[in-house]
Amino acid sequence: MPDKRDVVIIGGGHNGLVAAFYLAKAGFKPLVLERRSQPGGAAITEEFHPGFRGSILAHSAGPLRADVVRDMQLEKNGLRLIKPEVGITALSPDGRALVLYSDVKRAAEEVSKFSAKDAAKYPEFKQSLDRISRVIEEVLSTTPPDIDNPSSGDLWRMLKTGRAIRNLGKKDMYRLLRWGPMAAADLVAEYFETELLRAVVAARGIFGTFLGPWSAGSSLVLLLRAAADSHPAGSAWFAAGGMGAVTQAMAAVAKQAGAEIRSGVEVIEVRVKDGTANSVVLSTGEEISATAIVSNADPKRTFLKMVDARHLPEAFLFSIRGIKMQGPCAKVNFVLSEEPNFTGTPATHTALERTFYTLVPSLAFAERCYDIAKFGDIPEELWVDCVISSNADPSLAPAGKHILTCFVQYVPYYLRQGNWDDNRELLGDRVVKKIAEYAPNVPASIIARQVLTPLDLERTYGLTEGNIFHGDLRLEQLFFMRPVSGWSQYRTPVDGLYLCGAGAHPGGGVTGAPGHNAAHQVLRDWKKGRLKEAAA
């Protein structure tokens, strides 16, 4: 007889852990099954060279939803968040640096060194984002409506959202409706003339997605990110101990609430009987039955690999296969014998203020990278964001040594020529070359490096096509169309099977929002009797 559980959660990434917590608090006894040796998903800390630990994939903590942090009491359970005064420093090839402080007044003073006009516009843009983001945050925090058959609850939430939009006033309501479909490049050009500033602000609309700065709808992605943090260029949040400290705290709290977490076990099948998911099968052959199964895996991995196609409508499968997922991201992590000396960094900056740099000098530069990558080639000149994580948290490396983690954008999962196993070191070399243009001391200081290609993100971390968001954040894959139209309420065509990962509304980033929302959808269905068995 298979082991019997009330809830099984597939995948111990941060959203799976958040969902486990809320379900456990409601009286369930969820079992989290994690394929890798530790829970955490993409929010992990690993030793990638003896004595050196780093945030291997995600390097910034969210920002986590405030209610998730509050409900889980993460900071009382070992999590210590670090927020530098400098959100990000954008470097120019001419040796200048645009330092964007989290404090808007200080940021505007730095912008004035490039343009007095932009310095005046910067606070105005921030204020508009503040007002608009409050409306979007409300949308992101709720389950999307069923467009075809809205319930009374759906209608009430839509009414509240409509009222919130109306309360913006004509000017900001017009901005919200107009900005959403725009290209991020066009939006920032309406406010700013400094190319470096345009690039660093627009980057929020294309980070992690296979969109270019001039792609329609990229402004909506920028607004989605502003819902969690309305600073125009975003704020940097790091966790003491690396990103793994976030998910370790989540795992500890979920266990305290009554969840069980098993690592090193891989779910290979979700079994369905009479249209209802009733068990999962592990790679060992073990079968575990459950009243509800919640998948933190991405939609393609869930429905194209774990569920037999005969249990799914053909139209649904067609839509799942069509999700745009080709990941444009890679990570290159370095162990260094000395701190990178980025040209233009103010001499007065503390180590903590010398943490986050972006090496994307213009929108045209980003668009060229995108143009090359979309045809399956690796750009010679790469988009590189750099985090000196040992400056934020010296405990990650021995004294005097440093860890530099680099996010690389516009590297295609599907290569036109060759494969990623053969091109891994080429990618690493090009990242070193790009960094050397801004920090000439880096090449000679490299002790070790780790290159994670889009293929590595898929094979090692379970991110289909290397997509860190479980599907691109783009206009046709958001809100009631995420993961696909008709199935945005965390439920699936298989009764008792739910999605809680970044492939569900509202999408990616270390926020915990999909896990929170999915857990509450399971609880609503339980109370309405949609689940045949449930915890008392």
Protein backbone atom coordinates (compact mmCIF):
# COMPACT_ATOMS: atom_id res chain seq x y z
CA MET A 1 0.00 0.00 0.00
CA PRO A 2 1.35 3.47 -0.85
CA ASP A 3 2.14 5.91 1.92
CA LYS A 4 -0.85 8.21 2.49
CA ARG A 5 -0.53 11.98 2.97
CA ASP A 6 -3.05 14.77 2.87
CA VAL A 7 -0.81 17.13 0.83
CA VAL A 8 2.33 16.43 -1.19
CA ILE A 9 4.37 19.39 -2.50
CA ILE A 10 6.68 18.66 -5.42
CA GLY A 11 9.83 20.76 -5.06
CA GLY A 12 11.35 22.52 -2.08
CA GLY A 13 12.04 25.88 -3.68
CA HIS A 14 11.00 28.97 -1.77
CA ASN A 15 7.44 28.93 -3.12
CA GLY A 16 7.01 25.28 -2.17
CA LEU A 17 8.22 26.06 1.35
CA VAL A 18 5.90 29.05 1.64
CA ALA A 19 2.95 26.93 0.50
CA ALA A 20 3.93 24.20 2.98
CA PHE A 21 3.95 26.70 5.83
CA TYR A 22 0.49 28.09 5.15
CA LEU A 23 -1.02 24.64 4.62
CA ALA A 24 0.57 23.36 7.81
CA LYS A 25 -0.72 26.35 9.78
CA ALA A 26 -4.22 25.44 8.56
CA GLY A 27 -4.00 21.90 9.96
CA PHE A 28 -2.62 19.92 7.06
CA LYS A 29 0.55 17.81 7.32
CA PRO A 30 2.24 18.63 4.00
CA LEU A 31 5.14 16.54 2.75
CA VAL A 32 7.68 18.46 0.65
CA LEU A 33 9.70 16.32 -1.76
CA GLU A 34 12.92 17.95 -3.01
CA ARG A 35 14.98 16.40 -5.81
CA ARG A 36 18.29 17.92 -4.75
CA SER A 37 20.21 17.32 -1.53
CA GLN A 38 18.86 20.49 0.09
CA PRO A 39 15.67 22.52 -0.22
CA GLY A 40 15.86 26.00 -1.66
CA GLY A 41 15.50 25.69 -5.43
CA ALA A 42 17.22 28.68 -7.02
CA ALA A 43 17.61 30.45 -3.65
CA ILE A 44 20.56 28.48 -2.30
CA THR A 45 24.02 28.96 -0.84
CA GLU A 46 26.62 26.43 -1.95
CA GLU A 47 30.34 25.99 -1.56
CA PHE A 48 31.68 26.12 -5.10
CA HIS A 49 35.36 26.20 -4.10
CA PRO A 50 36.88 24.94 -0.82
CA GLY A 51 36.22 27.56 1.87
CA PHE A 52 34.09 29.79 -0.38
CA ARG A 53 30.29 29.89 -0.35
CA GLY A 54 28.00 31.92 -2.51
CA SER A 55 24.46 32.50 -3.76
CA ILE A 56 24.88 30.27 -6.77
CA LEU A 57 21.76 31.35 -8.67
CA ALA A 58 19.48 34.04 -7.18
CA HIS A 59 21.60 36.69 -5.51
CA SER A 60 19.01 39.19 -4.26
CA ALA A 61 16.27 38.54 -1.72
CA GLY A 62 13.15 39.38 -3.60
CA PRO A 63 12.00 41.62 -2.17
CA LEU A 64 10.00 39.04 -0.24
CA ARG A 65 6.34 39.85 0.28
CA ALA A 66 5.94 41.67 3.56
CA ASP A 67 3.06 39.48 4.71
CA VAL A 68 5.07 36.31 4.04
CA VAL A 69 8.00 37.63 6.10
CA ARG A 70 5.60 38.67 8.85
CA ASP A 71 3.54 35.46 8.90
CA MET A 72 6.57 33.17 8.80
CA GLN A 73 8.52 35.37 11.25
CA LEU A 74 11.63 34.69 9.20
CA GLU A 75 13.77 37.28 10.96
CA LYS A 76 12.97 35.63 14.30
CA ASN A 77 14.09 32.31 12.83
CA GLY A 78 17.61 33.18 11.76
CA LEU A 79 17.16 35.34 8.68
CA ARG A 80 19.11 38.60 8.65
CA LEU A 81 18.54 40.81 5.64
CA ILE A 82 21.19 43.30 4.52
CA LYS A 83 20.21 46.42 2.58
CA PRO A 84 23.05 48.61 1.28
CA GLU A 85 22.42 52.33 0.99
CA VAL A 86 23.52 52.02 -2.63
CA GLY A 87 20.94 50.08 -4.62
CA ILE A 88 23.09 49.72 -7.71
CA THR A 89 26.05 51.39 -9.39
CA ALA A 90 25.86 51.68 -13.18
CA LEU A 91 29.25 51.95 -14.87
CA SER A 92 30.04 53.76 -18.09
CA PRO A 93 32.84 52.80 -20.50
CA ASP A 94 34.25 56.33 -20.09
CA GLY A 95 35.06 55.62 -16.44
CA ARG A 96 32.14 57.41 -14.82
CA ALA A 97 29.78 55.78 -12.34
CA LEU A 98 26.10 56.50 -11.76
CA VAL A 99 25.45 55.69 -8.10
CA LEU A 100 21.78 55.14 -7.38
CA TYR A 101 21.09 55.29 -3.66
CA SER A 102 17.92 53.85 -2.20
CA ASP A 103 17.24 57.33 -0.83
CA VAL A 104 15.61 59.21 -3.70
CA LYS A 105 17.09 62.59 -2.79
CA ARG A 106 20.63 61.21 -2.73
CA ALA A 107 20.01 59.33 -5.96
CA ALA A 108 18.80 62.51 -7.65
CA GLU A 109 21.96 64.31 -6.51
CA GLU A 110 24.04 61.62 -8.23
CA VAL A 111 21.89 61.83 -11.35
CA SER A 112 22.48 65.61 -11.44
CA LYS A 113 26.16 64.89 -12.18
CA PHE A 114 24.94 63.60 -15.54
CA SER A 115 21.85 65.74 -16.17
CA ALA A 116 20.02 68.44 -14.21
CA LYS A 117 16.86 67.66 -16.16
CA ASP A 118 17.02 63.97 -15.22
CA ALA A 119 17.68 64.83 -11.59
CA ALA A 120 14.43 66.82 -11.51
CA LYS A 121 12.49 64.06 -13.26
CA TYR A 122 13.81 61.22 -11.10
CA PRO A 123 11.67 61.95 -7.99
CA GLU A 124 8.62 62.56 -10.21
CA PHE A 125 9.06 59.14 -11.81
CA LYS A 126 9.47 57.56 -8.38
CA GLN A 127 6.25 59.17 -7.15
CA SER A 128 4.29 57.85 -10.13
CA LEU A 129 5.69 54.37 -9.57
CA ASP A 130 4.71 54.65 -5.89
CA ARG A 131 1.08 55.34 -6.70
CA ILE A 132 0.73 52.90 -9.59
CA SER A 133 2.60 50.12 -7.82
CA ARG A 134 0.10 50.11 -4.95
CA VAL A 135 -2.65 49.15 -7.40
CA ILE A 136 -0.53 46.49 -9.08
CA GLU A 137 0.51 45.08 -5.71
CA GLU A 138 -3.17 44.54 -4.91
CA VAL A 139 -3.61 42.63 -8.17
CA LEU A 140 -0.53 40.50 -7.55
CA SER A 141 -1.60 39.55 -4.04
CA THR A 142 -4.88 37.95 -5.11
CA THR A 143 -5.91 34.95 -7.19
CA PRO A 144 -6.74 36.06 -10.76
CA PRO A 145 -10.41 35.92 -11.76
CA ASP A 146 -11.95 33.15 -13.82
CA ILE A 147 -12.67 35.22 -16.92
CA ASP A 148 -15.12 32.70 -18.42
CA ASN A 149 -17.09 31.93 -15.26
CA PRO A 150 -16.29 34.52 -12.59
CA SER A 151 -17.47 33.71 -9.09
CA SER A 152 -18.94 36.27 -6.73
CA GLY A 153 -15.49 36.48 -5.11
CA ASP A 154 -13.90 37.11 -8.52
CA LEU A 155 -16.39 39.86 -9.26
CA TRP A 156 -15.76 41.47 -5.89
CA ARG A 157 -11.98 41.43 -6.40
CA MET A 158 -12.34 42.86 -9.91
CA LEU A 159 -14.59 45.61 -8.53
CA LYS A 160 -12.02 46.46 -5.84
CA THR A 161 -9.25 46.57 -8.44
CA GLY A 162 -11.31 48.78 -10.74
CA ARG A 163 -12.04 51.14 -7.86
CA ALA A 164 -8.33 51.28 -6.96
CA ILE A 165 -7.44 52.15 -10.56
CA ARG A 166 -10.09 54.85 -10.65
CA ASN A 167 -8.80 56.30 -7.38
CA LEU A 168 -5.41 56.87 -9.00
CA GLY A 169 -6.81 59.94 -10.66
CA LYS A 170 -6.88 60.67 -14.37
CA LYS A 171 -3.17 61.32 -14.77
CA ASP A 172 -1.86 58.14 -13.14
CA MET A 173 -4.74 56.02 -14.44
CA TYR A 174 -3.82 57.13 -17.95
CA ARG A 175 -0.19 56.34 -17.23
CA LEU A 176 -1.01 52.84 -15.99
CA LEU A 177 -3.14 52.00 -19.00
CA ARG A 178 -0.66 53.51 -21.42
CA TRP A 179 2.58 52.28 -19.87
CA GLY A 180 1.65 48.61 -19.63
CA PRO A 181 1.83 47.74 -23.36
CA MET A 182 4.83 50.03 -23.98
CA ALA A 183 8.43 49.10 -24.51
CA ALA A 184 10.57 49.87 -21.48
CA ALA A 185 12.98 51.80 -23.70
CA ASP A 186 10.21 54.13 -24.82
CA LEU A 187 8.95 54.65 -21.29
CA VAL A 188 12.30 55.67 -19.83
CA ALA A 189 13.02 57.89 -22.85
CA GLU A 190 9.96 59.96 -21.95
CA TYR A 191 11.55 60.82 -18.60
CA PHE A 192 15.32 60.69 -18.97
CA GLU A 193 17.97 61.80 -21.44
CA THR A 194 21.01 60.11 -19.83
CA GLU A 195 21.62 56.84 -21.60
CA LEU A 196 23.20 55.15 -18.58
CA LEU A 197 20.16 56.03 -16.45
CA ARG A 198 17.76 54.87 -19.14
CA ALA A 199 19.53 51.52 -19.31
CA VAL A 200 19.60 50.82 -15.58
CA VAL A 201 15.90 51.70 -15.11
CA ALA A 202 14.68 49.87 -18.23
CA ALA A 203 16.67 46.80 -17.17
CA ARG A 204 13.95 46.02 -14.61
CA GLY A 205 11.56 45.41 -17.50
CA ILE A 206 13.76 42.88 -19.26
CA PHE A 207 15.82 41.25 -16.50
CA GLY A 208 15.54 37.46 -16.81
CA THR A 209 13.20 37.58 -19.79
CA PHE A 210 13.82 36.99 -23.48
CA LEU A 211 12.67 40.49 -24.37
CA GLY A 212 14.68 43.42 -25.67
CA PRO A 213 14.41 47.01 -24.41
CA TRP A 214 12.18 47.87 -27.36
CA SER A 215 9.93 44.80 -26.98
CA ALA A 216 6.26 45.68 -26.50
CA GLY A 217 5.01 45.00 -22.98
CA SER A 218 8.40 45.18 -21.28
CA SER A 219 7.16 48.25 -19.38
CA LEU A 220 4.54 46.06 -17.72
CA VAL A 221 7.31 43.84 -16.36
CA LEU A 222 8.97 46.98 -14.97
CA LEU A 223 5.69 47.91 -13.27
CA LEU A 224 5.34 44.41 -11.83
CA ARG A 225 8.76 44.73 -10.23
CA ALA A 226 7.87 48.20 -8.96
CA ALA A 227 4.90 46.68 -7.14
CA ALA A 228 7.37 45.11 -4.72
CA ASP A 229 9.87 47.97 -4.75
CA SER A 230 9.01 51.33 -6.33
CA HIS A 231 12.60 52.58 -6.44
CA PRO A 232 13.13 53.30 -10.18
CA ALA A 233 16.17 51.04 -10.46
CA GLY A 234 15.21 48.67 -7.67
CA SER A 235 16.88 48.13 -4.32
CA ALA A 236 19.46 45.53 -3.36
CA TRP A 237 18.57 43.15 -0.55
CA PHE A 238 21.01 40.45 0.49
CA ALA A 239 20.79 37.73 3.10
CA ALA A 240 23.53 37.09 5.64
CA GLY A 241 24.81 33.63 4.77
CA GLY A 242 23.69 33.94 1.15
CA MET A 243 20.31 33.25 -0.39
CA GLY A 244 20.27 29.81 1.16
CA ALA A 245 19.69 31.51 4.51
CA VAL A 246 16.28 32.64 3.22
CA THR A 247 15.12 29.15 2.31
CA GLN A 248 16.75 27.56 5.37
CA ALA A 249 14.69 29.87 7.55
CA MET A 250 11.58 29.05 5.51
CA ALA A 251 12.22 25.32 5.83
CA ALA A 252 12.71 25.62 9.59
CA VAL A 253 9.47 27.58 10.03
CA ALA A 254 7.51 25.18 7.80
CA LYS A 255 8.73 22.24 9.89
CA GLN A 256 7.76 24.03 13.10
CA ALA A 257 4.27 24.47 11.68
CA GLY A 258 3.98 20.74 10.97
CA ALA A 259 5.40 20.18 7.49
CA GLU A 260 7.82 17.39 6.64
CA ILE A 261 10.66 17.93 4.15
CA ARG A 262 12.46 15.09 2.41
CA SER A 263 15.50 15.93 0.27
CA GLY A 264 17.27 13.78 -2.31
CA VAL A 265 13.99 12.31 -3.63
CA GLU A 266 12.77 12.90 -7.17
CA VAL A 267 9.14 12.80 -8.24
CA ILE A 268 8.91 11.30 -11.72
CA GLU A 269 5.15 10.86 -12.07
CA VAL A 270 1.85 12.24 -10.86
CA ARG A 271 -0.69 9.44 -11.09
CA VAL A 272 -4.26 10.26 -12.02
CA LYS A 273 -7.41 8.18 -11.53
CA ASP A 274 -10.85 9.21 -12.78
CA GLY A 275 -9.61 12.73 -13.49
CA THR A 276 -8.16 13.24 -10.00
CA ALA A 277 -4.49 13.27 -8.97
CA ASN A 278 -4.14 10.66 -6.26
CA SER A 279 -0.43 9.89 -5.85
CA VAL A 280 3.15 10.67 -6.82
CA VAL A 281 5.80 8.15 -7.82
CA LEU A 282 9.45 8.64 -6.89
CA SER A 283 12.47 7.60 -8.95
CA THR A 284 12.99 4.79 -6.42
CA GLY A 285 9.57 3.35 -7.27
CA GLU A 286 8.00 4.46 -4.00
CA GLU A 287 4.44 5.71 -4.33
CA ILE A 288 2.87 8.30 -2.02
CA SER A 289 -0.85 8.97 -2.24
CA ALA A 290 -2.31 12.37 -1.38
CA THR A 291 -5.56 14.29 -1.26
CA ALA A 292 -3.90 17.31 -2.87
CA ILE A 293 -0.70 17.51 -4.88
CA VAL A 294 0.94 20.92 -5.28
CA SER A 295 3.70 21.28 -7.86
CA ASN A 296 6.46 23.83 -7.42
CA ALA A 297 7.99 22.60 -10.68
CA ASP A 298 7.47 24.73 -13.79
CA PRO A 299 4.38 24.10 -15.96
CA LYS A 300 6.22 22.29 -18.74
CA ARG A 301 8.04 19.97 -16.33
CA THR A 302 4.80 19.31 -14.46
CA PHE A 303 2.48 18.60 -17.37
CA LEU A 304 4.80 17.36 -20.10
CA LYS A 305 6.94 15.08 -17.92
CA MET A 306 5.03 14.13 -14.76
CA VAL A 307 1.42 13.79 -15.92
CA ASP A 308 0.40 11.30 -18.61
CA ALA A 309 -0.92 13.25 -21.61
CA ARG A 310 -4.10 11.16 -21.78
CA HIS A 311 -5.30 12.85 -18.59
CA LEU A 312 -5.01 16.36 -20.03
CA PRO A 313 -7.14 18.17 -22.65
CA GLU A 314 -5.34 18.54 -25.95
CA ALA A 315 -6.02 22.29 -26.05
CA PHE A 316 -4.42 22.65 -22.61
CA LEU A 317 -1.36 20.64 -23.67
CA PHE A 318 -1.06 22.78 -26.81
CA SER A 319 -1.03 25.92 -24.66
CA ILE A 320 1.52 24.47 -22.21
CA ARG A 321 3.85 23.51 -25.07
CA GLY A 322 3.55 27.07 -26.37
CA ILE A 323 4.71 28.80 -23.17
CA LYS A 324 7.68 30.99 -24.05
CA MET A 325 10.44 29.72 -21.78
CA GLN A 326 13.76 29.86 -23.58
CA GLY A 327 15.97 31.10 -20.76
CA PRO A 328 18.30 33.96 -21.65
CA CYS A 329 20.31 33.70 -18.43
CA ALA A 330 23.57 32.27 -17.14
CA LYS A 331 25.56 32.68 -13.94
CA VAL A 332 29.33 32.91 -13.64
CA ASN A 333 30.72 32.82 -10.10
CA PHE A 334 34.30 33.73 -9.22
CA VAL A 335 36.66 33.25 -6.30
CA LEU A 336 39.12 36.19 -6.26
CA SER A 337 42.34 36.88 -4.42
CA GLU A 338 41.42 40.57 -4.11
CA GLU A 339 38.40 42.83 -4.40
CA PRO A 340 37.46 43.96 -7.92
CA ASN A 341 38.51 47.56 -8.43
CA PHE A 342 35.65 48.93 -10.52
CA THR A 343 36.64 52.19 -12.20
CA GLY A 344 34.60 55.17 -11.07
CA THR A 345 33.64 53.79 -7.67
CA PRO A 346 33.71 56.70 -5.18
CA ALA A 347 36.65 56.44 -2.79
CA THR A 348 34.33 57.20 0.13
CA HIS A 349 32.18 54.12 -0.41
CA THR A 350 32.20 51.46 2.27
CA ALA A 351 32.59 47.78 1.40
CA LEU A 352 28.82 47.31 1.66
CA GLU A 353 28.25 50.16 -0.78
CA ARG A 354 30.67 48.46 -3.17
CA THR A 355 28.42 45.45 -3.72
CA PHE A 356 26.16 45.68 -6.78
CA TYR A 357 27.32 46.88 -10.22
CA THR A 358 25.79 46.74 -13.68
CA LEU A 359 27.90 46.80 -16.85
CA VAL A 360 25.12 47.65 -19.31
CA PRO A 361 26.01 51.13 -20.61
CA SER A 362 23.09 51.78 -22.97
CA LEU A 363 19.79 50.51 -24.30
CA ALA A 364 21.35 50.12 -27.73
CA PHE A 365 23.99 47.84 -26.19
CA ALA A 366 21.27 45.69 -24.58
CA GLU A 367 19.26 45.55 -27.81
CA ARG A 368 22.31 44.40 -29.78
CA CYS A 369 22.85 41.58 -27.27
CA TYR A 370 19.20 40.61 -27.62
CA ASP A 371 19.34 40.69 -31.42
CA ILE A 372 22.33 38.34 -31.45
CA ALA A 373 20.93 35.95 -28.85
CA LYS A 374 17.50 35.59 -30.42
CA PHE A 375 19.14 33.99 -33.46
CA GLY A 376 20.93 31.44 -31.27
CA ASP A 377 24.38 33.02 -30.98
CA ILE A 378 26.40 34.01 -27.92
CA PRO A 379 27.08 37.75 -28.02
CA GLU A 380 30.73 38.77 -28.05
CA GLU A 381 29.79 41.69 -25.78
CA LEU A 382 27.67 40.49 -22.88
CA TRP A 383 25.16 41.99 -20.46
CA VAL A 384 26.79 41.42 -17.04
CA ASP A 385 25.58 42.38 -13.57
CA CYS A 386 28.13 41.90 -10.79
CA VAL A 387 27.62 41.29 -7.07
CA ILE A 388 30.65 41.30 -4.76
CA SER A 389 28.78 39.18 -2.24
CA SER A 390 31.74 39.01 0.14
CA ASN A 391 31.40 42.79 0.61
CA ALA A 392 27.80 42.34 1.72
CA ASP A 393 28.68 39.35 3.90
CA PRO A 394 32.39 38.77 4.68
CA SER A 395 31.61 35.36 6.24
CA LEU A 396 31.22 33.87 2.76
CA ALA A 397 34.97 33.97 2.05
CA PRO A 398 38.25 33.86 4.00
CA ALA A 399 39.65 37.24 5.07
CA GLY A 400 41.17 39.16 2.19
CA LYS A 401 39.55 36.96 -0.46
CA HIS A 402 36.37 37.70 -2.37
CA ILE A 403 33.40 36.16 -4.13
CA LEU A 404 32.06 37.79 -7.27
CA THR A 405 28.80 36.41 -8.67
CA CYS A 406 27.74 37.52 -12.12
CA PHE A 407 24.32 37.41 -13.75
CA VAL A 408 24.59 37.19 -17.53
CA GLN A 409 21.67 38.05 -19.81
CA TYR A 410 20.98 37.22 -23.46
CA VAL A 411 22.63 33.84 -23.76
CA PRO A 412 20.21 31.55 -25.64
CA TYR A 413 19.22 28.11 -24.41
CA TYR A 414 19.07 26.89 -28.02
CA LEU A 415 22.38 27.52 -29.78
CA ARG A 416 22.48 27.88 -33.54
CA GLN A 417 25.83 26.11 -33.67
CA GLY A 418 27.43 23.72 -31.21
CA ASN A 419 26.20 22.95 -27.70
CA TRP A 420 26.59 24.43 -24.25
CA ASP A 421 28.94 21.77 -22.94
CA ASP A 422 31.41 22.82 -25.63
CA ASN A 423 30.77 26.55 -25.20
CA ARG A 424 30.80 26.79 -21.40
CA GLU A 425 34.37 28.08 -21.14
CA LEU A 426 33.85 30.45 -24.08
CA LEU A 427 31.04 32.05 -22.11
CA GLY A 428 33.22 32.28 -19.00
CA ASP A 429 36.04 33.89 -20.98
CA ARG A 430 33.73 36.50 -22.47
CA VAL A 431 32.37 37.39 -19.04
CA VAL A 432 35.95 37.86 -17.77
CA LYS A 433 36.73 40.04 -20.77
CA LYS A 434 33.67 42.24 -20.14
CA ILE A 435 34.46 42.66 -16.43
CA ALA A 436 38.09 43.53 -17.22
CA GLU A 437 36.90 46.57 -19.19
CA TYR A 438 35.59 48.02 -15.92
CA ALA A 439 37.77 46.28 -13.29
CA PRO A 440 41.18 45.56 -14.89
CA ASN A 441 42.53 43.77 -11.82
CA VAL A 442 40.00 40.92 -12.00
CA PRO A 443 41.55 38.53 -14.58
CA ALA A 444 44.83 38.18 -12.67
CA SER A 445 43.01 37.72 -9.35
CA ILE A 446 40.84 34.75 -10.36
CA ILE A 447 41.44 31.70 -8.16
CA ALA A 448 38.47 29.69 -9.43
CA ARG A 449 35.35 30.16 -11.49
CA GLN A 450 32.06 28.34 -11.97
CA VAL A 451 30.14 28.76 -15.24
CA LEU A 452 26.47 27.81 -15.21
CA THR A 453 24.95 27.85 -18.70
CA PRO A 454 21.21 27.82 -19.45
CA LEU A 455 21.56 24.07 -19.97
CA ASP A 456 23.17 23.71 -16.52
CA LEU A 457 20.24 25.60 -15.01
CA GLU A 458 17.93 23.01 -16.52
CA ARG A 459 19.95 19.88 -15.78
CA THR A 460 21.14 20.73 -12.28
CA TYR A 461 18.39 22.98 -10.91
CA GLY A 462 15.32 21.75 -12.79
CA LEU A 463 14.64 25.02 -14.63
CA THR A 464 13.18 23.98 -17.98
CA GLU A 465 15.07 25.66 -20.83
CA GLY A 466 17.05 27.50 -18.16
CA ASN A 467 14.18 29.89 -17.44
CA ILE A 468 14.52 31.33 -13.94
CA PHE A 469 10.89 32.53 -13.95
CA HIS A 470 9.30 29.22 -15.08
CA GLY A 471 8.13 31.06 -18.20
CA ASP A 472 8.87 34.53 -19.53
CA LEU A 473 7.20 37.49 -17.88
CA ARG A 474 5.57 38.93 -20.98
CA LEU A 475 2.23 40.54 -21.75
CA GLU A 476 0.55 37.36 -23.03
CA GLN A 477 1.86 35.25 -20.13
CA LEU A 478 0.73 37.34 -17.16
CA PHE A 479 -2.26 37.69 -14.83
CA PHE A 480 -5.20 35.51 -15.99
CA MET A 481 -3.01 34.10 -18.80
CA ARG A 482 -0.37 32.64 -16.46
CA PRO A 483 0.55 29.85 -16.92
CA VAL A 484 -2.05 29.68 -19.73
CA SER A 485 -5.44 31.23 -20.34
CA GLY A 486 -8.22 29.62 -18.34
CA TRP A 487 -5.95 28.11 -15.70
CA SER A 488 -4.61 31.04 -13.69
CA GLN A 489 -6.19 30.11 -10.35
CA TYR A 490 -3.46 27.61 -9.36
CA ARG A 491 -5.82 24.75 -10.20
CA THR A 492 -5.20 22.51 -13.22
CA PRO A 493 -7.37 20.30 -15.49
CA VAL A 494 -6.56 17.45 -13.09
CA ASP A 495 -8.62 17.73 -9.91
CA GLY A 496 -6.48 17.88 -6.79
CA LEU A 497 -3.35 19.02 -8.69
CA TYR A 498 -2.19 22.60 -8.19
CA LEU A 499 0.70 24.83 -9.26
CA CYS A 500 2.55 26.98 -6.70
CA GLY A 501 5.76 27.94 -8.51
CA ALA A 502 6.89 30.98 -10.47
CA GLY A 503 5.06 29.67 -13.55
CA ALA A 504 1.82 30.63 -11.80
CA HIS A 505 0.54 34.15 -11.07
CA PRO A 506 2.17 36.56 -10.33
CA GLY A 507 5.44 35.10 -11.62
CA GLY A 508 9.11 34.97 -10.69
CA GLY A 509 11.48 36.55 -8.25
CA VAL A 510 12.09 35.52 -4.64
CA THR A 511 8.81 36.98 -3.39
CA GLY A 512 6.87 33.97 -2.10
CA ALA A 513 3.69 35.30 -3.74
CA PRO A 514 2.80 32.23 -5.89
CA GLY A 515 3.32 29.88 -2.94
CA HIS A 516 1.20 32.07 -0.66
CA ASN A 517 -1.64 32.42 -3.18
CA ALA A 518 -1.65 28.74 -4.18
CA ALA A 519 -1.83 27.55 -0.58
CA HIS A 520 -4.84 29.76 0.05
CA GLN A 521 -6.51 28.45 -3.10
CA VAL A 522 -6.07 24.88 -1.82
CA LEU A 523 -7.59 25.92 1.50
CA ARG A 524 -10.58 27.56 -0.21
CA ASP A 525 -11.20 24.42 -2.26
CA TRP A 526 -10.96 22.27 0.86
CA LYS A 527 -13.54 24.41 2.65
CA LYS A 528 -15.86 24.21 -0.39
CA GLY A 529 -15.56 20.41 -0.49
CA ARG A 530 -13.67 20.25 -3.77
CA LEU A 531 -11.06 17.96 -2.19
CA LYS A 532 -12.35 14.52 -1.33
CA GLU A 533 -10.28 14.13 1.83
CA ALA A 534 -8.52 16.71 3.96
CA ALA A 535 -6.87 17.31 7.27
CA ALA A 536 -9.08 17.99 10.24
